[in-house]
């Protein structure tokens, strides 16, 4: 399966989920290009962005597992597929 570039946006409203999120990111670390976390305590949320280069099924699996955690929302944006000029 072809690899794709994607960005997973994660909003975590619960600090209890941090350990679970980190465990999942570690599980998929071979595909992760980079990640950035921004704490926003005044709004009660932590913002995490994950850049990933992986087959679409791996990206979907990671995003789905993270989004299934309590107090966590995850959305994925994919790069256009197809040959580059």
C-alpha atoms as a PDB file:
ATOM      1  CA  UNK A   1       0.000   0.000   0.000  1.00  0.00           C
ATOM      2  CA  UNK A   2       1.255   3.480  -0.897  1.00  0.00           C
ATOM      3  CA  UNK A   3       2.412   5.792   1.832  1.00  0.00           C
ATOM      4  CA  UNK A   4       0.661   9.136   2.387  1.00  0.00           C
ATOM      5  CA  UNK A   5       1.458  12.288   4.271  1.00  0.00           C
ATOM      6  CA  UNK A   6      -1.149  13.397   6.787  1.00  0.00           C
ATOM      7  CA  UNK A   7      -1.606  15.646   9.776  1.00  0.00           C
ATOM      8  CA  UNK A   8      -3.532  14.393  12.798  1.00  0.00           C
ATOM      9  CA  UNK A   9      -4.975  17.171  14.963  1.00  0.00           C
ATOM     10  CA  UNK A  10      -5.654  16.087  18.537  1.00  0.00           C
ATOM     11  CA  UNK A  11      -7.584  18.039  21.176  1.00  0.00           C
ATOM     12  CA  UNK A  12      -7.264  16.496  24.621  1.00  0.00           C
ATOM     13  CA  UNK A  13      -9.560  17.882  27.302  1.00  0.00           C
ATOM     14  CA  UNK A  14      -8.463  15.298  29.845  1.00  0.00           C
ATOM     15  CA  UNK A  15      -4.946  15.090  31.297  1.00  0.00           C
ATOM     16  CA  UNK A  16      -5.675  11.466  32.216  1.00  0.00           C
ATOM     17  CA  UNK A  17      -5.540  10.591  28.515  1.00  0.00           C
ATOM     18  CA  UNK A  18      -1.979  11.907  28.045  1.00  0.00           C
ATOM     19  CA  UNK A  19      -0.351   8.584  28.942  1.00  0.00           C
ATOM     20  CA  UNK A  20      -2.623   6.676  26.543  1.00  0.00           C
ATOM     21  CA  UNK A  21      -1.999   9.162  23.730  1.00  0.00           C
ATOM     22  CA  UNK A  22       1.760   8.925  24.243  1.00  0.00           C
ATOM     23  CA  UNK A  23       1.613   5.111  24.256  1.00  0.00           C
ATOM     24  CA  UNK A  24      -0.256   5.113  20.931  1.00  0.00           C
ATOM     25  CA  UNK A  25       2.146   7.636  19.397  1.00  0.00           C
ATOM     26  CA  UNK A  26       5.054   5.478  20.552  1.00  0.00           C
ATOM     27  CA  UNK A  27       3.425   2.417  18.957  1.00  0.00           C
ATOM     28  CA  UNK A  28       3.316   4.248  15.594  1.00  0.00           C
ATOM     29  CA  UNK A  29       6.605   6.156  16.072  1.00  0.00           C
ATOM     30  CA  UNK A  30       8.191   4.583  12.989  1.00  0.00           C
ATOM     31  CA  UNK A  31       5.740   6.527  10.828  1.00  0.00           C
ATOM     32  CA  UNK A  32       5.758   9.848  12.705  1.00  0.00           C
ATOM     33  CA  UNK A  33       7.678  12.698  11.074  1.00  0.00           C
ATOM     34  CA  UNK A  34       7.174  15.115  13.951  1.00  0.00           C
ATOM     35  CA  UNK A  35       4.807  16.256  16.641  1.00  0.00           C
ATOM     36  CA  UNK A  36       4.030  19.451  18.473  1.00  0.00           C
ATOM     37  CA  UNK A  37       2.118  19.918  21.689  1.00  0.00           C
ATOM     38  CA  UNK A  38       0.607  23.177  22.879  1.00  0.00           C
ATOM     39  CA  UNK A  39      -0.868  23.321  26.378  1.00  0.00           C
ATOM     40  CA  UNK A  40      -3.795  25.693  26.753  1.00  0.00           C
ATOM     41  CA  UNK A  41      -4.748  25.419  30.442  1.00  0.00           C
ATOM     42  CA  UNK A  42      -6.871  28.575  30.455  1.00  0.00           C
ATOM     43  CA  UNK A  43      -9.197  26.831  27.959  1.00  0.00           C
ATOM     44  CA  UNK A  44      -8.849  23.376  29.539  1.00  0.00           C
ATOM     45  CA  UNK A  45      -7.399  21.719  26.452  1.00  0.00           C
ATOM     46  CA  UNK A  46      -4.091  20.448  25.127  1.00  0.00           C
ATOM     47  CA  UNK A  47      -3.481  20.719  21.389  1.00  0.00           C
ATOM     48  CA  UNK A  48      -1.282  18.153  19.668  1.00  0.00           C
ATOM     49  CA  UNK A  49      -0.420  17.976  15.987  1.00  0.00           C
ATOM     50  CA  UNK A  50       1.229  14.899  14.514  1.00  0.00           C
ATOM     51  CA  UNK A  51       2.764  14.818  11.029  1.00  0.00           C
ATOM     52  CA  UNK A  52       2.828  11.255   9.722  1.00  0.00           C
ATOM     53  CA  UNK A  53       4.007   9.403   6.596  1.00  0.00           C
ATOM     54  CA  UNK A  54       2.324   5.995   6.495  1.00  0.00           C
ATOM     55  CA  UNK A  55      -0.122   3.805   4.581  1.00  0.00           C
ATOM     56  CA  UNK A  56      -3.662   5.164   4.848  1.00  0.00           C
ATOM     57  CA  UNK A  57      -4.840   2.212   6.951  1.00  0.00           C
ATOM     58  CA  UNK A  58      -2.143   2.911   9.578  1.00  0.00           C
ATOM     59  CA  UNK A  59      -3.030   6.613   9.688  1.00  0.00           C
ATOM     60  CA  UNK A  60      -6.736   5.828  10.054  1.00  0.00           C
ATOM     61  CA  UNK A  61      -6.040   3.247  12.753  1.00  0.00           C
ATOM     62  CA  UNK A  62      -3.941   5.659  14.823  1.00  0.00           C
ATOM     63  CA  UNK A  63      -6.418   8.506  14.462  1.00  0.00           C
ATOM     64  CA  UNK A  64      -9.326   6.213  15.337  1.00  0.00           C
ATOM     65  CA  UNK A  65      -7.616   4.805  18.424  1.00  0.00           C
ATOM     66  CA  UNK A  66      -6.727   8.284  19.680  1.00  0.00           C
ATOM     67  CA  UNK A  67     -10.192   9.665  18.929  1.00  0.00           C
ATOM     68  CA  UNK A  68     -11.796   6.793  20.849  1.00  0.00           C
ATOM     69  CA  UNK A  69     -10.101   7.871  24.095  1.00  0.00           C
ATOM     70  CA  UNK A  70     -12.283   9.604  26.657  1.00  0.00           C
ATOM     71  CA  UNK A  71     -12.085  13.412  26.443  1.00  0.00           C
ATOM     72  CA  UNK A  72     -10.083  13.330  23.199  1.00  0.00           C
ATOM     73  CA  UNK A  73     -10.986  14.423  19.667  1.00  0.00           C
ATOM     74  CA  UNK A  74      -8.826  13.564  16.649  1.00  0.00           C
ATOM     75  CA  UNK A  75      -9.239  14.650  13.031  1.00  0.00           C
ATOM     76  CA  UNK A  76      -6.996  13.830  10.091  1.00  0.00           C
ATOM     77  CA  UNK A  77      -6.122  15.839   6.999  1.00  0.00           C
ATOM     78  CA  UNK A  78      -4.495  13.932   4.137  1.00  0.00           C
ATOM     79  CA  UNK A  79      -2.211  15.241   1.440  1.00  0.00           C
ATOM     80  CA  UNK A  80      -3.516  14.807  -2.077  1.00  0.00           C
ATOM     81  CA  UNK A  81      -2.477  11.451  -3.462  1.00  0.00           C
ATOM     82  CA  UNK A  82      -1.196  10.794  -6.931  1.00  0.00           C
ATOM     83  CA  UNK A  83       2.072  11.553  -8.680  1.00  0.00           C
ATOM     84  CA  UNK A  84       3.829  14.806  -7.989  1.00  0.00           C
ATOM     85  CA  UNK A  85       4.884  17.008 -10.939  1.00  0.00           C
END
